Amino acid sequence: MKHLVLTAKLDIIESLRSRWFLIYCFVFGGIVALLFAFGLTESRVLGFIGLSRLLVTYIQLAMAILPIFVLITTVRSVAGDREAGVFEYLLSLPVSLSAWFWGKIVGRYITIFLPVFAAMLGAVLWALYREIEVPWQMFLYYTGLLAAIGWCFLGIGMLISTIARSTDVAQGAAFIVWLTMLLFLDLILLGLLIQGRMAPDLAITLALANPLQVFRTAALSLFDPQLIVLGPAAYVILDLFGPVGFKIYALVYPVFLGTLCAGLGYFVFKRSDLP
């Protein structure tokens, strides 16, 4: 445990010094600043006013930005250390492979989640200062969604990083994974359903295996509990999970998928030829 904590601390320090972390913080902090600048906390859209409107917009933007940022920065972790010859130095130190691998995951997760949460927390503090009503239920659930999706793509990124033999291959694979998940959202699945005459239940099951789709649908469910915008697919989802059950599924499934990918990555990492 001591070596795991030290490895996590070292990874956090390295991340704080890197340019990608500064850009990462600037992006999410800038999003909230721009949303405030455009007056979204004082506007009314579809019944949403104040901070609710800002959080709805913020979560939609985070869905597009957070996964690719996490994947691109994470896949360089193991693959980059392999190219730099860090493993040869690592094997000479009294640090177990498990402590090093999981320590890097913990440290990287802290660095990718804190800026996202800090931006939301900053919005809440500003709302309290301006005496704007804070939708605490929405804030807490959106925070849980961002934490779950961040862990999910972190695990996927670590799996890709352990399999790829170079950073270029790892980054290319990460982009393909993100693009595939992005393409297989509602419109693409609807096209497959129409052209291939796929059973609706099967198409919706495939959609719910996509963490991006789960994240998007859960974000919608908070202000549209009946999922009217999804059309007939809402009946299948609500019959299968129920409104509360789906919200729980949207938190548990990404965490499970990320943990599974991280575990597979560690298995490959432990059995591979490290140098």
C-alpha atoms as a PDB file:
ATOM      1  CA  MET A   1       0.000   0.000   0.000  1.00  0.00           C
ATOM      2  CA  LYS A   2       2.864   2.380   0.783  1.00  0.00           C
ATOM      3  CA  HIS A   3       4.407   1.863  -2.656  1.00  0.00           C
ATOM      4  CA  LEU A   4       0.999   2.308  -4.298  1.00  0.00           C
ATOM      5  CA  VAL A   5       0.498   5.647  -2.548  1.00  0.00           C
ATOM      6  CA  LEU A   6       4.008   6.799  -3.466  1.00  0.00           C
ATOM      7  CA  THR A   7       3.497   5.815  -7.109  1.00  0.00           C
ATOM      8  CA  ALA A   8       0.170   7.664  -7.190  1.00  0.00           C
ATOM      9  CA  LYS A   9       1.787  10.731  -5.642  1.00  0.00           C
ATOM     10  CA  LEU A  10       4.602  10.646  -8.206  1.00  0.00           C
ATOM     11  CA  ASP A  11       2.128  10.375 -11.075  1.00  0.00           C
ATOM     12  CA  ILE A  12       0.140  13.327  -9.700  1.00  0.00           C
ATOM     13  CA  ILE A  13       3.276  15.443  -9.471  1.00  0.00           C
ATOM     14  CA  GLU A  14       4.271  14.557 -13.028  1.00  0.00           C
ATOM     15  CA  SER A  15       0.773  15.362 -14.279  1.00  0.00           C
ATOM     16  CA  LEU A  16       0.748  18.741 -12.541  1.00  0.00           C
ATOM     17  CA  ARG A  17       3.972  19.636 -14.350  1.00  0.00           C
ATOM     18  CA  SER A  18       2.757  18.545 -17.782  1.00  0.00           C
ATOM     19  CA  ARG A  19       1.223  20.794 -20.415  1.00  0.00           C
ATOM     20  CA  TRP A  20      -1.762  18.537 -21.001  1.00  0.00           C
ATOM     21  CA  PHE A  21      -2.935  19.092 -17.432  1.00  0.00           C
ATOM     22  CA  LEU A  22      -2.813  22.859 -17.830  1.00  0.00           C
ATOM     23  CA  ILE A  23      -4.796  22.628 -21.058  1.00  0.00           C
ATOM     24  CA  TYR A  24      -7.202  20.208 -19.405  1.00  0.00           C
ATOM     25  CA  CYS A  25      -7.866  22.590 -16.506  1.00  0.00           C
ATOM     26  CA  PHE A  26      -8.146  25.538 -18.880  1.00  0.00           C
ATOM     27  CA  VAL A  27     -10.727  23.734 -21.032  1.00  0.00           C
ATOM     28  CA  PHE A  28     -13.112  22.786 -18.235  1.00  0.00           C
ATOM     29  CA  GLY A  29     -12.587  25.962 -16.275  1.00  0.00           C
ATOM     30  CA  GLY A  30     -13.029  27.956 -19.459  1.00  0.00           C
ATOM     31  CA  ILE A  31     -16.283  26.172 -20.268  1.00  0.00           C
ATOM     32  CA  VAL A  32     -17.840  27.213 -16.973  1.00  0.00           C
ATOM     33  CA  ALA A  33     -16.487  30.753 -17.333  1.00  0.00           C
ATOM     34  CA  LEU A  34     -17.967  31.059 -20.829  1.00  0.00           C
ATOM     35  CA  LEU A  35     -21.303  29.693 -19.694  1.00  0.00           C
ATOM     36  CA  PHE A  36     -21.396  32.313 -16.958  1.00  0.00           C
ATOM     37  CA  ALA A  37     -20.272  34.987 -19.432  1.00  0.00           C
ATOM     38  CA  PHE A  38     -23.158  34.142 -21.767  1.00  0.00           C
ATOM     39  CA  GLY A  39     -25.574  34.447 -18.871  1.00  0.00           C
ATOM     40  CA  LEU A  40     -26.849  30.891 -18.789  1.00  0.00           C
ATOM     41  CA  THR A  41     -27.451  31.118 -15.058  1.00  0.00           C
ATOM     42  CA  GLU A  42     -30.025  33.843 -15.709  1.00  0.00           C
ATOM     43  CA  SER A  43     -31.766  32.290 -18.725  1.00  0.00           C
ATOM     44  CA  ARG A  44     -34.760  29.980 -18.963  1.00  0.00           C
ATOM     45  CA  VAL A  45     -34.846  27.100 -21.456  1.00  0.00           C
ATOM     46  CA  LEU A  46     -37.455  24.312 -21.341  1.00  0.00           C
ATOM     47  CA  GLY A  47     -38.259  25.201 -17.753  1.00  0.00           C
ATOM     48  CA  PHE A  48     -34.626  25.165 -16.593  1.00  0.00           C
ATOM     49  CA  ILE A  49     -33.344  28.293 -14.946  1.00  0.00           C
ATOM     50  CA  GLY A  50     -30.284  29.344 -13.020  1.00  0.00           C
ATOM     51  CA  LEU A  51     -27.630  26.767 -12.231  1.00  0.00           C
ATOM     52  CA  SER A  52     -29.745  23.895 -13.589  1.00  0.00           C
ATOM     53  CA  ARG A  53     -29.439  25.349 -17.085  1.00  0.00           C
ATOM     54  CA  LEU A  54     -25.675  25.693 -16.712  1.00  0.00           C
ATOM     55  CA  LEU A  55     -25.240  22.135 -15.419  1.00  0.00           C
ATOM     56  CA  VAL A  56     -27.311  20.680 -18.261  1.00  0.00           C
ATOM     57  CA  THR A  57     -25.140  22.469 -20.827  1.00  0.00           C
ATOM     58  CA  TYR A  58     -21.924  21.619 -18.985  1.00  0.00           C
ATOM     59  CA  ILE A  59     -22.691  17.898 -18.793  1.00  0.00           C
ATOM     60  CA  GLN A  60     -23.385  17.755 -22.535  1.00  0.00           C
ATOM     61  CA  LEU A  61     -20.070  19.428 -23.337  1.00  0.00           C
ATOM     62  CA  ALA A  62     -18.221  17.194 -20.869  1.00  0.00           C
ATOM     63  CA  MET A  63     -19.599  14.113 -22.615  1.00  0.00           C
ATOM     64  CA  ALA A  64     -17.791  15.113 -25.810  1.00  0.00           C
ATOM     65  CA  ILE A  65     -14.548  16.379 -24.252  1.00  0.00           C
ATOM     66  CA  LEU A  66     -13.840  14.253 -21.165  1.00  0.00           C
ATOM     67  CA  PRO A  67     -13.576  10.758 -22.758  1.00  0.00           C
ATOM     68  CA  ILE A  68     -11.140  11.714 -25.512  1.00  0.00           C
ATOM     69  CA  PHE A  69      -9.019  13.768 -23.101  1.00  0.00           C
ATOM     70  CA  VAL A  70      -8.809  10.857 -20.668  1.00  0.00           C
ATOM     71  CA  LEU A  71      -8.015   8.313 -23.389  1.00  0.00           C
ATOM     72  CA  ILE A  72      -5.328  10.331 -25.175  1.00  0.00           C
ATOM     73  CA  THR A  73      -3.492  11.268 -21.961  1.00  0.00           C
ATOM     74  CA  THR A  74      -3.803   7.825 -20.344  1.00  0.00           C
ATOM     75  CA  VAL A  75      -2.671   5.649 -23.240  1.00  0.00           C
ATOM     76  CA  ARG A  76       0.744   7.301 -23.083  1.00  0.00           C
ATOM     77  CA  SER A  77       1.199   6.026 -19.531  1.00  0.00           C
ATOM     78  CA  VAL A  78       2.476   2.448 -19.916  1.00  0.00           C
ATOM     79  CA  ALA A  79       3.393   2.710 -23.610  1.00  0.00           C
ATOM     80  CA  GLY A  80       5.386   5.885 -23.019  1.00  0.00           C
ATOM     81  CA  ASP A  81       7.266   4.409 -20.057  1.00  0.00           C
ATOM     82  CA  ARG A  82       8.055   1.333 -22.132  1.00  0.00           C
ATOM     83  CA  GLU A  83       9.551   3.458 -24.915  1.00  0.00           C
ATOM     84  CA  ALA A  84      11.478   5.571 -22.410  1.00  0.00           C
ATOM     85  CA  GLY A  85      13.040   2.485 -20.802  1.00  0.00           C
ATOM     86  CA  VAL A  86      11.474   3.166 -17.404  1.00  0.00           C
ATOM     87  CA  PHE A  87      10.649  -0.496 -16.827  1.00  0.00           C
ATOM     88  CA  GLU A  88      14.295  -1.537 -16.726  1.00  0.00           C
ATOM     89  CA  TYR A  89      14.851   1.003 -13.952  1.00  0.00           C
ATOM     90  CA  LEU A  90      11.599  -0.022 -12.264  1.00  0.00           C
ATOM     91  CA  LEU A  91      12.567  -3.672 -12.039  1.00  0.00           C
ATOM     92  CA  SER A  92      15.676  -2.718 -10.054  1.00  0.00           C
ATOM     93  CA  LEU A  93      13.579  -1.024  -7.342  1.00  0.00           C
ATOM     94  CA  PRO A  94      11.671  -2.717  -4.490  1.00  0.00           C
ATOM     95  CA  VAL A  95       8.313  -1.750  -6.001  1.00  0.00           C
ATOM     96  CA  SER A  96       5.868  -4.463  -7.001  1.00  0.00           C
ATOM     97  CA  LEU A  97       4.248  -4.386 -10.430  1.00  0.00           C
ATOM     98  CA  SER A  98       0.792  -4.229  -8.888  1.00  0.00           C
ATOM     99  CA  ALA A  99       1.696  -1.210  -6.727  1.00  0.00           C
ATOM    100  CA  TRP A 100       3.168   0.590  -9.740  1.00  0.00           C
ATOM    101  CA  PHE A 101       0.277  -0.198 -12.085  1.00  0.00           C
ATOM    102  CA  TRP A 102      -2.592   0.563  -9.712  1.00  0.00           C
ATOM    103  CA  GLY A 103      -0.728   3.519  -8.244  1.00  0.00           C
ATOM    104  CA  LYS A 104      -0.563   5.102 -11.680  1.00  0.00           C
ATOM    105  CA  ILE A 105      -4.290   4.504 -12.137  1.00  0.00           C
ATOM    106  CA  VAL A 106      -5.155   6.117  -8.801  1.00  0.00           C
ATOM    107  CA  GLY A 107      -2.875   9.090  -9.428  1.00  0.00           C
ATOM    108  CA  ARG A 108      -4.160   9.603 -12.963  1.00  0.00           C
ATOM    109  CA  TYR A 109      -7.777   9.351 -11.824  1.00  0.00           C
ATOM    110  CA  ILE A 110      -7.268  12.072  -9.241  1.00  0.00           C
ATOM    111  CA  THR A 111      -5.727  14.409 -11.808  1.00  0.00           C
ATOM    112  CA  ILE A 112      -8.448  13.865 -14.423  1.00  0.00           C
ATOM    113  CA  PHE A 113     -11.412  14.134 -12.046  1.00  0.00           C
ATOM    114  CA  LEU A 114     -10.380  17.058  -9.858  1.00  0.00           C
ATOM    115  CA  PRO A 115     -10.477  19.753 -12.603  1.00  0.00           C
ATOM    116  CA  VAL A 116     -13.917  18.566 -13.757  1.00  0.00           C
ATOM    117  CA  PHE A 117     -15.261  18.580 -10.211  1.00  0.00           C
ATOM    118  CA  ALA A 118     -13.548  21.872  -9.371  1.00  0.00           C
ATOM    119  CA  ALA A 119     -15.296  23.549 -12.320  1.00  0.00           C
ATOM    120  CA  MET A 120     -18.699  22.324 -11.121  1.00  0.00           C
ATOM    121  CA  LEU A 121     -17.923  23.258  -7.528  1.00  0.00           C
ATOM    122  CA  GLY A 122     -16.860  26.712  -8.663  1.00  0.00           C
ATOM    123  CA  ALA A 123     -20.214  27.119 -10.406  1.00  0.00           C
ATOM    124  CA  VAL A 124     -22.033  26.131  -7.216  1.00  0.00           C
ATOM    125  CA  LEU A 125     -20.019  28.544  -5.067  1.00  0.00           C
ATOM    126  CA  TRP A 126     -20.699  31.360  -7.509  1.00  0.00           C
ATOM    127  CA  ALA A 127     -24.400  30.510  -7.495  1.00  0.00           C
ATOM    128  CA  LEU A 128     -24.441  30.622  -3.692  1.00  0.00           C
ATOM    129  CA  TYR A 129     -22.656  33.973  -3.777  1.00  0.00           C
ATOM    130  CA  ARG A 130     -25.208  35.350  -6.251  1.00  0.00           C
ATOM    131  CA  GLU A 131     -28.036  33.808  -4.212  1.00  0.00           C
ATOM    132  CA  ILE A 132     -29.080  31.555  -7.089  1.00  0.00           C
ATOM    133  CA  GLU A 133     -30.887  28.360  -6.187  1.00  0.00           C
ATOM    134  CA  VAL A 134     -28.622  25.294  -6.314  1.00  0.00           C
ATOM    135  CA  PRO A 135     -30.178  22.021  -7.554  1.00  0.00           C
ATOM    136  CA  TRP A 136     -28.257  19.777  -5.174  1.00  0.00           C
ATOM    137  CA  GLN A 137     -29.770  16.540  -6.453  1.00  0.00           C
ATOM    138  CA  MET A 138     -28.732  17.341 -10.013  1.00  0.00           C
ATOM    139  CA  PHE A 139     -25.272  18.481  -8.876  1.00  0.00           C
ATOM    140  CA  LEU A 140     -24.605  15.304  -6.886  1.00  0.00           C
ATOM    141  CA  TYR A 141     -25.871  12.956  -9.590  1.00  0.00           C
ATOM    142  CA  TYR A 142     -23.951  14.724 -12.366  1.00  0.00           C
ATOM    143  CA  THR A 143     -20.835  14.561 -10.197  1.00  0.00           C
ATOM    144  CA  GLY A 144     -21.355  10.808  -9.827  1.00  0.00           C
ATOM    145  CA  LEU A 145     -21.831  10.436 -13.596  1.00  0.00           C
ATOM    146  CA  LEU A 146     -18.617  12.317 -14.354  1.00  0.00           C
ATOM    147  CA  ALA A 147     -16.720  10.274 -11.754  1.00  0.00           C
ATOM    148  CA  ALA A 148     -18.045   7.019 -13.242  1.00  0.00           C
ATOM    149  CA  ILE A 149     -17.368   7.907 -16.887  1.00  0.00           C
ATOM    150  CA  GLY A 150     -13.895   9.186 -15.983  1.00  0.00           C
ATOM    151  CA  TRP A 151     -13.044   5.870 -14.294  1.00  0.00           C
ATOM    152  CA  CYS A 152     -14.503   3.936 -17.221  1.00  0.00           C
ATOM    153  CA  PHE A 153     -12.339   5.585 -19.874  1.00  0.00           C
ATOM    154  CA  LEU A 154      -9.323   5.551 -17.583  1.00  0.00           C
ATOM    155  CA  GLY A 155      -9.587   1.757 -17.377  1.00  0.00           C
ATOM    156  CA  ILE A 156     -10.041   1.493 -21.153  1.00  0.00           C
ATOM    157  CA  GLY A 157      -7.031   3.748 -21.676  1.00  0.00           C
ATOM    158  CA  MET A 158      -4.828   1.658 -19.392  1.00  0.00           C
ATOM    159  CA  LEU A 159      -5.851  -1.513 -21.230  1.00  0.00           C
ATOM    160  CA  ILE A 160      -4.942   0.034 -24.583  1.00  0.00           C
ATOM    161  CA  SER A 161      -1.688   1.336 -23.151  1.00  0.00           C
ATOM    162  CA  THR A 162      -0.581  -2.097 -21.937  1.00  0.00           C
ATOM    163  CA  ILE A 163      -1.422  -3.788 -25.241  1.00  0.00           C
ATOM    164  CA  ALA A 164       0.127  -1.179 -27.577  1.00  0.00           C
ATOM    165  CA  ARG A 165       3.868  -1.263 -28.081  1.00  0.00           C
ATOM    166  CA  SER A 166       4.307   2.409 -28.933  1.00  0.00           C
ATOM    167  CA  THR A 167       2.638   5.690 -28.052  1.00  0.00           C
ATOM    168  CA  ASP A 168       1.647   6.318 -31.672  1.00  0.00           C
ATOM    169  CA  VAL A 169      -0.216   3.015 -31.881  1.00  0.00           C
ATOM    170  CA  ALA A 170      -1.791   3.608 -28.466  1.00  0.00           C
ATOM    171  CA  GLN A 171      -3.047   7.073 -29.405  1.00  0.00           C
ATOM    172  CA  GLY A 172      -4.416   5.820 -32.721  1.00  0.00           C
ATOM    173  CA  ALA A 173      -6.251   2.962 -30.997  1.00  0.00           C
ATOM    174  CA  ALA A 174      -7.644   5.337 -28.369  1.00  0.00           C
ATOM    175  CA  PHE A 175      -9.001   7.648 -31.047  1.00  0.00           C
ATOM    176  CA  ILE A 176     -10.620   4.726 -32.882  1.00  0.00           C
ATOM    177  CA  VAL A 177     -12.276   3.482 -29.664  1.00  0.00           C
ATOM    178  CA  TRP A 178     -13.651   6.939 -28.903  1.00  0.00           C
ATOM    179  CA  LEU A 179     -14.833   7.467 -32.486  1.00  0.00           C
ATOM    180  CA  THR A 180     -16.555   4.068 -32.549  1.00  0.00           C
ATOM    181  CA  MET A 181     -18.446   4.808 -29.345  1.00  0.00           C
ATOM    182  CA  LEU A 182     -19.354   8.240 -30.664  1.00  0.00           C
ATOM    183  CA  LEU A 183     -20.671   6.828 -33.934  1.00  0.00           C
ATOM    184  CA  PHE A 184     -22.748   4.127 -32.287  1.00  0.00           C
ATOM    185  CA  LEU A 185     -25.122   6.547 -30.628  1.00  0.00           C
ATOM    186  CA  ASP A 186     -28.794   6.892 -31.450  1.00  0.00           C
ATOM    187  CA  LEU A 187     -28.624   7.832 -35.124  1.00  0.00           C
ATOM    188  CA  ILE A 188     -26.191   5.129 -36.237  1.00  0.00           C
ATOM    189  CA  LEU A 189     -28.000   2.412 -34.286  1.00  0.00           C
ATOM    190  CA  LEU A 190     -31.294   3.596 -35.748  1.00  0.00           C
ATOM    191  CA  GLY A 191     -29.826   3.265 -39.242  1.00  0.00           C
ATOM    192  CA  LEU A 192     -28.626  -0.277 -38.507  1.00  0.00           C
ATOM    193  CA  LEU A 193     -32.016  -1.135 -37.098  1.00  0.00           C
ATOM    194  CA  ILE A 194     -33.796   0.059 -40.247  1.00  0.00           C
ATOM    195  CA  GLN A 195     -31.384  -1.411 -42.798  1.00  0.00           C
ATOM    196  CA  GLY A 196     -30.555  -4.690 -41.080  1.00  0.00           C
ATOM    197  CA  ARG A 197     -34.010  -5.324 -39.626  1.00  0.00           C
ATOM    198  CA  MET A 198     -32.462  -5.861 -36.225  1.00  0.00           C
ATOM    199  CA  ALA A 199     -34.745  -6.609 -33.298  1.00  0.00           C
ATOM    200  CA  PRO A 200     -35.390  -3.415 -31.287  1.00  0.00           C
ATOM    201  CA  ASP A 201     -34.450  -5.083 -27.988  1.00  0.00           C
ATOM    202  CA  LEU A 202     -31.102  -6.155 -29.421  1.00  0.00           C
ATOM    203  CA  ALA A 203     -30.368  -2.684 -30.796  1.00  0.00           C
ATOM    204  CA  ILE A 204     -31.171  -1.058 -27.458  1.00  0.00           C
ATOM    205  CA  THR A 205     -29.046  -3.645 -25.627  1.00  0.00           C
ATOM    206  CA  LEU A 206     -26.100  -2.793 -27.872  1.00  0.00           C
ATOM    207  CA  ALA A 207     -26.720   0.892 -27.216  1.00  0.00           C
ATOM    208  CA  LEU A 208     -26.708   0.373 -23.453  1.00  0.00           C
ATOM    209  CA  ALA A 209     -23.374  -1.450 -23.704  1.00  0.00           C
ATOM    210  CA  ASN A 210     -21.863   1.809 -24.947  1.00  0.00           C
ATOM    211  CA  PRO A 211     -20.794   3.866 -21.891  1.00  0.00           C
ATOM    212  CA  LEU A 212     -21.193   7.108 -23.833  1.00  0.00           C
ATOM    213  CA  GLN A 213     -24.791   6.235 -24.641  1.00  0.00           C
ATOM    214  CA  VAL A 214     -25.449   5.298 -21.020  1.00  0.00           C
ATOM    215  CA  PHE A 215     -23.923   8.580 -19.863  1.00  0.00           C
ATOM    216  CA  ARG A 216     -25.980  10.610 -22.336  1.00  0.00           C
ATOM    217  CA  THR A 217     -29.239   8.833 -21.533  1.00  0.00           C
ATOM    218  CA  ALA A 218     -28.701   9.178 -17.768  1.00  0.00           C
ATOM    219  CA  ALA A 219     -28.039  12.908 -18.186  1.00  0.00           C
ATOM    220  CA  LEU A 220     -31.306  13.206 -20.083  1.00  0.00           C
ATOM    221  CA  SER A 221     -33.246  11.154 -17.519  1.00  0.00           C
ATOM    222  CA  LEU A 222     -32.646  13.685 -14.775  1.00  0.00           C
ATOM    223  CA  PHE A 223     -34.792  16.324 -16.458  1.00  0.00           C
ATOM    224  CA  ASP A 224     -36.857  13.929 -18.595  1.00  0.00           C
ATOM    225  CA  PRO A 225     -37.672  10.928 -16.322  1.00  0.00           C
ATOM    226  CA  GLN A 226     -39.877   9.327 -18.990  1.00  0.00           C
ATOM    227  CA  LEU A 227     -37.144   9.700 -21.666  1.00  0.00           C
ATOM    228  CA  ILE A 228     -39.656  11.070 -24.138  1.00  0.00           C
ATOM    229  CA  VAL A 229     -36.890  12.368 -26.432  1.00  0.00           C
ATOM    230  CA  LEU A 230     -35.735   8.785 -27.072  1.00  0.00           C
ATOM    231  CA  GLY A 231     -39.076   7.748 -28.515  1.00  0.00           C
ATOM    232  CA  PRO A 232     -40.102   4.061 -28.397  1.00  0.00           C
ATOM    233  CA  ALA A 233     -36.696   3.045 -26.997  1.00  0.00           C
ATOM    234  CA  ALA A 234     -37.725   4.650 -23.721  1.00  0.00           C
ATOM    235  CA  TYR A 235     -40.371   1.961 -23.146  1.00  0.00           C
ATOM    236  CA  VAL A 236     -37.782  -0.812 -23.391  1.00  0.00           C
ATOM    237  CA  ILE A 237     -35.325   0.968 -21.078  1.00  0.00           C
ATOM    238  CA  LEU A 238     -37.928   1.859 -18.466  1.00  0.00           C
ATOM    239  CA  ASP A 239     -39.501  -1.599 -18.561  1.00  0.00           C
ATOM    240  CA  LEU A 240     -36.092  -3.193 -18.121  1.00  0.00           C
ATOM    241  CA  PHE A 241     -34.665  -0.935 -15.409  1.00  0.00           C
ATOM    242  CA  GLY A 242     -37.293   1.530 -14.240  1.00  0.00           C
ATOM    243  CA  PRO A 243     -36.482   5.254 -13.764  1.00  0.00           C
ATOM    244  CA  VAL A 244     -34.478   4.778 -10.572  1.00  0.00           C
ATOM    245  CA  GLY A 245     -32.903   1.512 -11.688  1.00  0.00           C
ATOM    246  CA  PHE A 246     -31.510   3.070 -14.833  1.00  0.00           C
ATOM    247  CA  LYS A 247     -29.946   5.926 -12.882  1.00  0.00           C
ATOM    248  CA  ILE A 248     -28.220   3.351 -10.686  1.00  0.00           C
ATOM    249  CA  TYR A 249     -27.168   1.324 -13.748  1.00  0.00           C
ATOM    250  CA  ALA A 250     -25.655   4.466 -15.300  1.00  0.00           C
ATOM    251  CA  LEU A 251     -23.403   4.827 -12.247  1.00  0.00           C
ATOM    252  CA  VAL A 252     -22.515   1.165 -11.714  1.00  0.00           C
ATOM    253  CA  TYR A 253     -21.966  -0.033 -15.289  1.00  0.00           C
ATOM    254  CA  PRO A 254     -19.201   2.462 -16.287  1.00  0.00           C
ATOM    255  CA  VAL A 255     -17.365   1.751 -13.018  1.00  0.00           C
ATOM    256  CA  PHE A 256     -17.639  -2.002 -13.622  1.00  0.00           C
ATOM    257  CA  LEU A 257     -16.464  -1.675 -17.236  1.00  0.00           C
ATOM    258  CA  GLY A 258     -13.536   0.543 -16.263  1.00  0.00           C
ATOM    259  CA  THR A 259     -12.489  -1.823 -13.462  1.00  0.00           C
ATOM    260  CA  LEU A 260     -12.749  -4.818 -15.795  1.00  0.00           C
ATOM    261  CA  CYS A 261     -10.591  -3.133 -18.447  1.00  0.00           C
ATOM    262  CA  ALA A 262      -8.060  -2.040 -15.828  1.00  0.00           C
ATOM    263  CA  GLY A 263      -7.924  -5.590 -14.446  1.00  0.00           C
ATOM    264  CA  LEU A 264      -7.368  -7.024 -17.929  1.00  0.00           C
ATOM    265  CA  GLY A 265      -4.701  -4.396 -18.498  1.00  0.00           C
ATOM    266  CA  TYR A 266      -2.903  -5.432 -15.323  1.00  0.00           C
ATOM    267  CA  PHE A 267      -3.114  -9.108 -16.339  1.00  0.00           C
ATOM    268  CA  VAL A 268      -1.560  -8.316 -19.739  1.00  0.00           C
ATOM    269  CA  PHE A 269       0.996  -6.022 -18.132  1.00  0.00           C
ATOM    270  CA  LYS A 270       2.094  -8.652 -15.596  1.00  0.00           C
ATOM    271  CA  ARG A 271       2.467 -11.407 -18.206  1.00  0.00           C
ATOM    272  CA  SER A 272       4.086  -9.295 -20.929  1.00  0.00           C
ATOM    273  CA  ASP A 273       7.752  -8.788 -21.686  1.00  0.00           C
ATOM    274  CA  LEU A 274       8.170  -5.438 -19.962  1.00  0.00           C
ATOM    275  CA  PRO A 275      11.422  -4.235 -21.541  1.00  0.00           C
END
